[in-house]
PDB file of N, CA and C in Angstrom:
ATOM      1  N   MET A   1     101.835  81.930  13.596  1.00  0.00           N
ATOM      2  CA  MET A   1     101.567  81.616  12.168  1.00  0.00           C
ATOM      3  C   MET A   1     102.929  81.050  11.516  1.00  0.00           C
ATOM      4  N   LYS A   2     102.914  80.084  10.802  1.00  0.00           N
ATOM      5  CA  LYS A   2     104.068  79.495  10.168  1.00  0.00           C
ATOM      6  C   LYS A   2     103.876  79.748   8.656  1.00  0.00           C
ATOM      7  N   LEU A   3     104.894  80.342   8.065  1.00  0.00           N
ATOM      8  CA  LEU A   3     104.943  80.584   6.682  1.00  0.00           C
ATOM      9  C   LEU A   3     106.200  79.993   6.081  1.00  0.00           C
ATOM     10  N   THR A   4     105.884  79.160   5.046  1.00  0.00           N
ATOM     11  CA  THR A   4     107.006  78.529   4.305  1.00  0.00           C
ATOM     12  C   THR A   4     106.834  78.799   2.839  1.00  0.00           C
ATOM     13  N   TYR A   5     107.990  78.880   2.190  1.00  0.00           N
ATOM     14  CA  TYR A   5     107.934  79.029   0.699  1.00  0.00           C
ATOM     15  C   TYR A   5     109.221  78.590   0.108  1.00  0.00           C
ATOM     16  N   LYS A   6     109.242  78.303  -1.140  1.00  0.00           N
ATOM     17  CA  LYS A   6     110.421  77.817  -1.801  1.00  0.00           C
ATOM     18  C   LYS A   6     110.588  78.733  -3.144  1.00  0.00           C
ATOM     19  N   TYR A   7     111.857  78.888  -3.474  1.00  0.00           N
ATOM     20  CA  TYR A   7     112.235  79.547  -4.691  1.00  0.00           C
ATOM     21  C   TYR A   7     112.607  78.517  -5.709  1.00  0.00           C
ATOM     22  N   TYR A   8     112.230  78.683  -6.925  1.00  0.00           N
ATOM     23  CA  TYR A   8     112.626  77.727  -8.026  1.00  0.00           C
ATOM     24  C   TYR A   8     113.242  78.579  -9.074  1.00  0.00           C
ATOM     25  N   ASP A   9     114.433  78.099  -9.528  1.00  0.00           N
ATOM     26  CA  ASP A   9     115.101  78.719 -10.616  1.00  0.00           C
ATOM     27  C   ASP A   9     114.464  78.388 -11.939  1.00  0.00           C
ATOM     28  N   LEU A  10     113.699  79.267 -12.536  1.00  0.00           N
ATOM     29  CA  LEU A  10     112.975  78.972 -13.753  1.00  0.00           C
ATOM     30  C   LEU A  10     113.882  78.690 -14.909  1.00  0.00           C
ATOM     31  N   GLU A  11     115.178  79.069 -14.936  1.00  0.00           N
ATOM     32  CA  GLU A  11     115.981  78.688 -15.992  1.00  0.00           C
ATOM     33  C   GLU A  11     116.439  77.227 -15.960  1.00  0.00           C
ATOM     34  N   LYS A  12     116.434  76.614 -14.698  1.00  0.00           N
ATOM     35  CA  LYS A  12     116.753  75.289 -14.586  1.00  0.00           C
ATOM     36  C   LYS A  12     115.534  74.404 -14.742  1.00  0.00           C
ATOM     37  N   HIS A  13     114.386  74.989 -14.478  1.00  0.00           N
ATOM     38  CA  HIS A  13     113.028  74.232 -14.568  1.00  0.00           C
ATOM     39  C   HIS A  13     112.031  75.024 -15.449  1.00  0.00           C
ATOM     40  N   PRO A  14     112.293  75.038 -16.786  1.00  0.00           N
ATOM     41  CA  PRO A  14     111.469  75.862 -17.625  1.00  0.00           C
ATOM     42  C   PRO A  14     110.048  75.276 -17.890  1.00  0.00           C
ATOM     43  N   ASN A  15     109.788  73.943 -17.470  1.00  0.00           N
ATOM     44  CA  ASN A  15     108.536  73.373 -17.741  1.00  0.00           C
ATOM     45  C   ASN A  15     107.878  73.079 -16.309  1.00  0.00           C
ATOM     46  N   MET A  16     107.938  73.984 -15.420  1.00  0.00           N
ATOM     47  CA  MET A  16     107.400  73.705 -14.065  1.00  0.00           C
ATOM     48  C   MET A  16     105.892  73.664 -14.103  1.00  0.00           C
ATOM     49  N   THR A  17     105.310  72.797 -13.329  1.00  0.00           N
ATOM     50  CA  THR A  17     103.903  72.621 -13.209  1.00  0.00           C
ATOM     51  C   THR A  17     103.513  72.779 -11.837  1.00  0.00           C
ATOM     52  N   ILE A  18     102.407  73.535 -11.543  1.00  0.00           N
ATOM     53  CA  ILE A  18     101.847  73.776 -10.258  1.00  0.00           C
ATOM     54  C   ILE A  18     100.380  73.196 -10.215  1.00  0.00           C
ATOM     55  N   LEU A  19     100.176  72.246  -9.255  1.00  0.00           N
ATOM     56  CA  LEU A  19      98.827  71.762  -9.143  1.00  0.00           C
ATOM     57  C   LEU A  19      98.188  72.475  -7.951  1.00  0.00           C
ATOM     58  N   ALA A  20      97.257  73.409  -8.245  1.00  0.00           N
ATOM     59  CA  ALA A  20      96.666  74.201  -7.256  1.00  0.00           C
ATOM     60  C   ALA A  20      95.514  74.904  -7.834  1.00  0.00           C
ATOM     61  N   VAL A  21      94.772  75.698  -7.091  1.00  0.00           N
ATOM     62  CA  VAL A  21      93.617  76.480  -7.596  1.00  0.00           C
ATOM     63  C   VAL A  21      94.006  77.935  -7.302  1.00  0.00           C
ATOM     64  N   GLN A  22      93.931  78.772  -8.362  1.00  0.00           N
ATOM     65  CA  GLN A  22      94.336  80.150  -8.147  1.00  0.00           C
ATOM     66  C   GLN A  22      93.075  80.947  -7.630  1.00  0.00           C
ATOM     67  N   LYS A  23      93.313  81.550  -6.488  1.00  0.00           N
ATOM     68  CA  LYS A  23      92.298  82.476  -5.887  1.00  0.00           C
ATOM     69  C   LYS A  23      92.880  83.860  -5.752  1.00  0.00           C
ATOM     70  N   GLY A  24      92.530  84.782  -6.663  1.00  0.00           N
ATOM     71  CA  GLY A  24      93.164  86.124  -6.579  1.00  0.00           C
ATOM     72  C   GLY A  24      94.574  86.112  -6.898  1.00  0.00           C
ATOM     73  N   ASN A  25      95.361  86.596  -6.006  1.00  0.00           N
ATOM     74  CA  ASN A  25      96.862  86.639  -6.154  1.00  0.00           C
ATOM     75  C   ASN A  25      97.492  85.490  -5.457  1.00  0.00           C
ATOM     76  N   SER A  26      96.773  84.518  -5.001  1.00  0.00           N
ATOM     77  CA  SER A  26      97.373  83.343  -4.310  1.00  0.00           C
ATOM     78  C   SER A  26      96.888  82.081  -4.828  1.00  0.00           C
ATOM     79  N   PHE A  27      97.299  81.009  -4.175  1.00  0.00           N
ATOM     80  CA  PHE A  27      96.897  79.629  -4.629  1.00  0.00           C
ATOM     81  C   PHE A  27      96.271  78.899  -3.354  1.00  0.00           C
ATOM     82  N   GLU A  28      95.347  78.073  -3.658  1.00  0.00           N
ATOM     83  CA  GLU A  28      94.765  77.198  -2.578  1.00  0.00           C
ATOM     84  C   GLU A  28      94.874  75.788  -3.075  1.00  0.00           C
ATOM     85  N   PRO A  29      94.985  74.849  -2.158  1.00  0.00           N
ATOM     86  CA  PRO A  29      95.092  73.423  -2.485  1.00  0.00           C
ATOM     87  C   PRO A  29      93.960  73.014  -3.425  1.00  0.00           C
ATOM     88  N   TYR A  30      94.331  72.143  -4.302  1.00  0.00           N
ATOM     89  CA  TYR A  30      93.381  71.571  -5.313  1.00  0.00           C
ATOM     90  C   TYR A  30      92.678  70.412  -4.547  1.00  0.00           C
ATOM     91  N   LYS A  31      91.335  70.403  -4.510  1.00  0.00           N
ATOM     92  CA  LYS A  31      90.585  69.428  -3.782  1.00  0.00           C
ATOM     93  C   LYS A  31      90.254  68.178  -4.693  1.00  0.00           C
ATOM     94  N   VAL A  32      90.945  67.074  -4.368  1.00  0.00           N
ATOM     95  CA  VAL A  32      90.839  65.827  -5.122  1.00  0.00           C
ATOM     96  C   VAL A  32      89.484  65.142  -4.829  1.00  0.00           C
ATOM     97  N   ASP A  33      89.154  65.104  -3.499  1.00  0.00           N
ATOM     98  CA  ASP A  33      87.793  64.574  -3.054  1.00  0.00           C
ATOM     99  C   ASP A  33      87.466  65.310  -1.765  1.00  0.00           C
ATOM    100  N   LYS A  34      86.581  64.844  -1.028  1.00  0.00           N
ATOM    101  CA  LYS A  34      86.167  65.604   0.288  1.00  0.00           C
ATOM    102  C   LYS A  34      87.206  65.552   1.319  1.00  0.00           C
ATOM    103  N   LYS A  35      88.121  64.537   1.299  1.00  0.00           N
ATOM    104  CA  LYS A  35      89.104  64.481   2.335  1.00  0.00           C
ATOM    105  C   LYS A  35      90.562  64.895   1.903  1.00  0.00           C
ATOM    106  N   THR A  36      90.746  64.914   0.597  1.00  0.00           N
ATOM    107  CA  THR A  36      92.140  65.059   0.085  1.00  0.00           C
ATOM    108  C   THR A  36      92.346  66.418  -0.704  1.00  0.00           C
ATOM    109  N   SER A  37      93.242  67.210  -0.125  1.00  0.00           N
ATOM    110  CA  SER A  37      93.603  68.474  -0.895  1.00  0.00           C
ATOM    111  C   SER A  37      95.060  68.334  -1.270  1.00  0.00           C
ATOM    112  N   VAL A  38      95.425  68.864  -2.427  1.00  0.00           N
ATOM    113  CA  VAL A  38      96.783  68.781  -2.931  1.00  0.00           C
ATOM    114  C   VAL A  38      97.263  70.124  -3.355  1.00  0.00           C
ATOM    115  N   TYR A  39      98.433  70.468  -2.946  1.00  0.00           N
ATOM    116  CA  TYR A  39      99.173  71.660  -3.486  1.00  0.00           C
ATOM    117  C   TYR A  39     100.536  71.080  -3.796  1.00  0.00           C
ATOM    118  N   GLN A  40     100.959  71.007  -4.939  1.00  0.00           N
ATOM    119  CA  GLN A  40     102.208  70.408  -5.325  1.00  0.00           C
ATOM    120  C   GLN A  40     102.866  71.222  -6.439  1.00  0.00           C
ATOM    121  N   VAL A  41     104.204  71.282  -6.402  1.00  0.00           N
ATOM    122  CA  VAL A  41     104.961  71.853  -7.446  1.00  0.00           C
ATOM    123  C   VAL A  41     105.828  70.775  -8.088  1.00  0.00           C
ATOM    124  N   PHE A  42     105.766  70.625  -9.313  1.00  0.00           N
ATOM    125  CA  PHE A  42     106.541  69.670 -10.041  1.00  0.00           C
ATOM    126  C   PHE A  42     107.596  70.426 -10.876  1.00  0.00           C
ATOM    127  N   THR A  43     108.834  70.000 -10.879  1.00  0.00           N
ATOM    128  CA  THR A  43     109.837  70.654 -11.607  1.00  0.00           C
ATOM    129  C   THR A  43     109.937  70.326 -13.014  1.00  0.00           C
ATOM    130  N   LYS A  44     108.933  69.564 -13.520  1.00  0.00           N
ATOM    131  CA  LYS A  44     108.890  69.189 -14.997  1.00  0.00           C
ATOM    132  C   LYS A  44     107.466  69.319 -15.366  1.00  0.00           C
ATOM    133  N   LYS A  45     107.290  69.123 -16.759  1.00  0.00           N
ATOM    134  CA  LYS A  45     106.018  69.244 -17.372  1.00  0.00           C
ATOM    135  C   LYS A  45     105.142  68.137 -16.954  1.00  0.00           C
ATOM    136  N   VAL A  46     103.919  68.323 -16.315  1.00  0.00           N
ATOM    137  CA  VAL A  46     102.975  67.292 -16.000  1.00  0.00           C
ATOM    138  C   VAL A  46     101.698  67.839 -16.747  1.00  0.00           C
ATOM    139  N   ASP A  47     101.437  67.130 -17.874  1.00  0.00           N
ATOM    140  CA  ASP A  47     100.351  67.610 -18.678  1.00  0.00           C
ATOM    141  C   ASP A  47      99.268  66.650 -19.034  1.00  0.00           C
ATOM    142  N   THR A  48      99.378  65.423 -18.379  1.00  0.00           N
ATOM    143  CA  THR A  48      98.300  64.436 -18.666  1.00  0.00           C
ATOM    144  C   THR A  48      98.027  63.732 -17.230  1.00  0.00           C
ATOM    145  N   LYS A  49      96.823  63.137 -17.252  1.00  0.00           N
ATOM    146  CA  LYS A  49      96.413  62.508 -15.985  1.00  0.00           C
ATOM    147  C   LYS A  49      97.344  61.392 -15.555  1.00  0.00           C
ATOM    148  N   ALA A  50      97.869  60.676 -16.629  1.00  0.00           N
ATOM    149  CA  ALA A  50      98.784  59.589 -16.300  1.00  0.00           C
ATOM    150  C   ALA A  50     100.039  60.125 -15.627  1.00  0.00           C
ATOM    151  N   LYS A  51     100.639  61.148 -16.204  1.00  0.00           N
ATOM    152  CA  LYS A  51     101.845  61.769 -15.629  1.00  0.00           C
ATOM    153  C   LYS A  51     101.604  62.319 -14.211  1.00  0.00           C
ATOM    154  N   LEU A  52     100.404  62.909 -14.014  1.00  0.00           N
ATOM    155  CA  LEU A  52     100.066  63.431 -12.691  1.00  0.00           C
ATOM    156  C   LEU A  52      99.975  62.264 -11.658  1.00  0.00           C
ATOM    157  N   GLU A  53      99.356  61.158 -12.070  1.00  0.00           N
ATOM    158  CA  GLU A  53      99.279  59.983 -11.135  1.00  0.00           C
ATOM    159  C   GLU A  53     100.546  59.524 -10.786  1.00  0.00           C
ATOM    160  N   LYS A  54     101.461  59.349 -11.797  1.00  0.00           N
ATOM    161  CA  LYS A  54     102.840  58.822 -11.625  1.00  0.00           C
ATOM    162  C   LYS A  54     103.613  59.737 -10.697  1.00  0.00           C
ATOM    163  N   GLU A  55     103.526  61.072 -10.811  1.00  0.00           N
ATOM    164  CA  GLU A  55     104.329  62.067 -10.026  1.00  0.00           C
ATOM    165  C   GLU A  55     103.671  62.003  -8.566  1.00  0.00           C
ATOM    166  N   LEU A  56     102.426  61.888  -8.414  1.00  0.00           N
ATOM    167  CA  LEU A  56     101.799  61.874  -7.045  1.00  0.00           C
ATOM    168  C   LEU A  56     102.208  60.605  -6.381  1.00  0.00           C
ATOM    169  N   GLN A  57     102.228  59.425  -7.065  1.00  0.00           N
ATOM    170  CA  GLN A  57     102.619  58.182  -6.463  1.00  0.00           C
ATOM    171  C   GLN A  57     104.076  58.208  -6.053  1.00  0.00           C
ATOM    172  N   ALA A  58     104.912  58.886  -6.867  1.00  0.00           N
ATOM    173  CA  ALA A  58     106.329  59.049  -6.513  1.00  0.00           C
ATOM    174  C   ALA A  58     106.561  59.811  -5.292  1.00  0.00           C
ATOM    175  N   ASN A  59     105.754  60.876  -5.115  1.00  0.00           N
ATOM    176  CA  ASN A  59     105.787  61.764  -3.958  1.00  0.00           C
ATOM    177  C   ASN A  59     105.309  60.997  -2.713  1.00  0.00           C
ATOM    178  N   VAL A  60     104.315  60.133  -2.842  1.00  0.00           N
ATOM    179  CA  VAL A  60     103.781  59.378  -1.629  1.00  0.00           C
ATOM    180  C   VAL A  60     104.906  58.377  -1.210  1.00  0.00           C
ATOM    181  N   LYS A  61     105.503  57.677  -2.270  1.00  0.00           N
ATOM    182  CA  LYS A  61     106.617  56.779  -1.929  1.00  0.00           C
ATOM    183  C   LYS A  61     107.752  57.442  -1.204  1.00  0.00           C
ATOM    184  N   SER A  62     108.108  58.639  -1.709  1.00  0.00           N
ATOM    185  CA  SER A  62     109.256  59.451  -1.146  1.00  0.00           C
ATOM    186  C   SER A  62     108.869  59.746   0.325  1.00  0.00           C
ATOM    187  N   THR A  63     107.685  60.263   0.587  1.00  0.00           N
ATOM    188  CA  THR A  63     107.229  60.684   1.899  1.00  0.00           C
ATOM    189  C   THR A  63     107.216  59.438   2.852  1.00  0.00           C
ATOM    190  N   ILE A  64     106.741  58.246   2.402  1.00  0.00           N
ATOM    191  CA  ILE A  64     106.751  57.043   3.284  1.00  0.00           C
ATOM    192  C   ILE A  64     108.201  56.706   3.532  1.00  0.00           C
ATOM    193  N   ARG A  65     109.016  56.758   2.496  1.00  0.00           N
ATOM    194  CA  ARG A  65     110.401  56.274   2.704  1.00  0.00           C
ATOM    195  C   ARG A  65     111.066  57.199   3.752  1.00  0.00           C
ATOM    196  N   GLY A  66     110.792  58.461   3.656  1.00  0.00           N
ATOM    197  CA  GLY A  66     111.395  59.413   4.572  1.00  0.00           C
ATOM    198  C   GLY A  66     110.902  59.209   6.082  1.00  0.00           C
ATOM    199  N   LYS A  67     109.584  59.056   6.188  1.00  0.00           N
ATOM    200  CA  LYS A  67     109.030  58.762   7.545  1.00  0.00           C
ATOM    201  C   LYS A  67     109.583  57.420   8.104  1.00  0.00           C
ATOM    202  N   SER A  68     109.720  56.380   7.181  1.00  0.00           N
ATOM    203  CA  SER A  68     110.228  55.116   7.727  1.00  0.00           C
ATOM    204  C   SER A  68     111.673  55.258   8.241  1.00  0.00           C
ATOM    205  N   LEU A  69     112.424  55.948   7.484  1.00  0.00           N
ATOM    206  CA  LEU A  69     113.855  56.137   7.903  1.00  0.00           C
ATOM    207  C   LEU A  69     113.909  56.997   9.175  1.00  0.00           C
ATOM    208  N   PHE A  70     113.028  57.912   9.385  1.00  0.00           N
ATOM    209  CA  PHE A  70     113.045  58.704  10.620  1.00  0.00           C
ATOM    210  C   PHE A  70     112.653  57.811  11.806  1.00  0.00           C
ATOM    211  N   ILE A  71     111.580  56.987  11.662  1.00  0.00           N
ATOM    212  CA  ILE A  71     111.263  56.024  12.723  1.00  0.00           C
ATOM    213  C   ILE A  71     112.350  55.024  13.064  1.00  0.00           C
ATOM    214  N   ILE A  72     113.037  54.485  12.063  1.00  0.00           N
ATOM    215  CA  ILE A  72     114.139  53.603  12.267  1.00  0.00           C
ATOM    216  C   ILE A  72     115.236  54.328  13.034  1.00  0.00           C
ATOM    217  N   MET A  73     115.567  55.534  12.664  1.00  0.00           N
ATOM    218  CA  MET A  73     116.538  56.266  13.400  1.00  0.00           C
ATOM    219  C   MET A  73     116.305  56.496  14.781  1.00  0.00           C
ATOM    220  N   ILE A  74     114.967  56.828  15.109  1.00  0.00           N
ATOM    221  CA  ILE A  74     114.592  57.097  16.437  1.00  0.00           C
ATOM    222  C   ILE A  74     114.585  55.788  17.239  1.00  0.00           C
ATOM    223  N   LEU A  75     114.216  54.676  16.648  1.00  0.00           N
ATOM    224  CA  LEU A  75     114.281  53.342  17.348  1.00  0.00           C
ATOM    225  C   LEU A  75     115.752  53.014  17.601  1.00  0.00           C
ATOM    226  N   GLY A  76     116.677  53.218  16.649  1.00  0.00           N
ATOM    227  CA  GLY A  76     117.993  52.966  16.759  1.00  0.00           C
ATOM    228  C   GLY A  76     118.636  53.762  17.930  1.00  0.00           C
ATOM    229  N   LEU A  77     118.330  55.068  18.014  1.00  0.00           N
ATOM    230  CA  LEU A  77     118.883  55.889  19.070  1.00  0.00           C
ATOM    231  C   LEU A  77     118.297  55.406  20.466  1.00  0.00           C
ATOM    232  N   GLY A  78     116.979  55.036  20.454  1.00  0.00           N
ATOM    233  CA  GLY A  78     116.458  54.560  21.714  1.00  0.00           C
ATOM    234  C   GLY A  78     117.146  53.236  22.158  1.00  0.00           C
ATOM    235  N   ILE A  79     117.415  52.357  21.252  1.00  0.00           N
ATOM    236  CA  ILE A  79     118.091  51.105  21.646  1.00  0.00           C
ATOM    237  C   ILE A  79     119.497  51.411  22.059  1.00  0.00           C
ATOM    238  N   PHE A  80     120.186  52.306  21.368  1.00  0.00           N
ATOM    239  CA  PHE A  80     121.527  52.743  21.808  1.00  0.00           C
ATOM    240  C   PHE A  80     121.564  53.313  23.235  1.00  0.00           C
ATOM    241  N   PHE A  81     120.643  54.182  23.572  1.00  0.00           N
ATOM    242  CA  PHE A  81     120.569  54.794  24.873  1.00  0.00           C
ATOM    243  C   PHE A  81     120.297  53.750  25.944  1.00  0.00           C
ATOM    244  N   ILE A  82     119.344  52.841  25.667  1.00  0.00           N
ATOM    245  CA  ILE A  82     118.995  51.729  26.574  1.00  0.00           C
ATOM    246  C   ILE A  82     120.260  50.897  26.901  1.00  0.00           C
ATOM    247  N   VAL A  83     120.967  50.448  25.774  1.00  0.00           N
ATOM    248  CA  VAL A  83     122.159  49.541  25.987  1.00  0.00           C
ATOM    249  C   VAL A  83     123.194  50.360  26.645  1.00  0.00           C
ATOM    250  N   ASP A  84     123.372  51.645  26.344  1.00  0.00           N
ATOM    251  CA  ASP A  84     124.394  52.412  27.018  1.00  0.00           C
ATOM    252  C   ASP A  84     124.098  52.567  28.451  1.00  0.00           C
ATOM    253  N   ALA A  85     122.842  52.777  28.847  1.00  0.00           N
ATOM    254  CA  ALA A  85     122.414  52.972  30.290  1.00  0.00           C
ATOM    255  C   ALA A  85     122.574  51.612  31.092  1.00  0.00           C
ATOM    256  N   LYS A  86     122.443  50.529  30.419  1.00  0.00           N
ATOM    257  CA  LYS A  86     122.683  49.217  31.109  1.00  0.00           C
ATOM    258  C   LYS A  86     124.123  48.954  31.359  1.00  0.00           C
ATOM    259  N   LYS A  87     124.963  49.404  30.432  1.00  0.00           N
ATOM    260  CA  LYS A  87     126.443  49.259  30.658  1.00  0.00           C
ATOM    261  C   LYS A  87     126.971  49.972  31.855  1.00  0.00           C
ATOM    262  N   LYS A  88     126.245  51.065  32.178  1.00  0.00           N
ATOM    263  CA  LYS A  88     126.713  51.837  33.282  1.00  0.00           C
ATOM    264  C   LYS A  88     126.083  51.375  34.558  1.00  0.00           C
TER     265      LYS A  88
END
């Protein structure tokens, strides 16, 4: 089992927003539709649908950017190792 959690300093983020469904003493992902579930913590106040859409789009862009950089790094290392092997 893998357990992950984060601590947030509430003095630094007094308007924190959590998008989830509370079940007892815990949270479950919020179901957007049949295929999409969301559990997200925003460190600012997200109190309208427009703000929520903006924050979720920013999150998607950030995730795509991170995955793209990771793929570029792996390709770069692969090319480096191939060129290095040919030199020897």
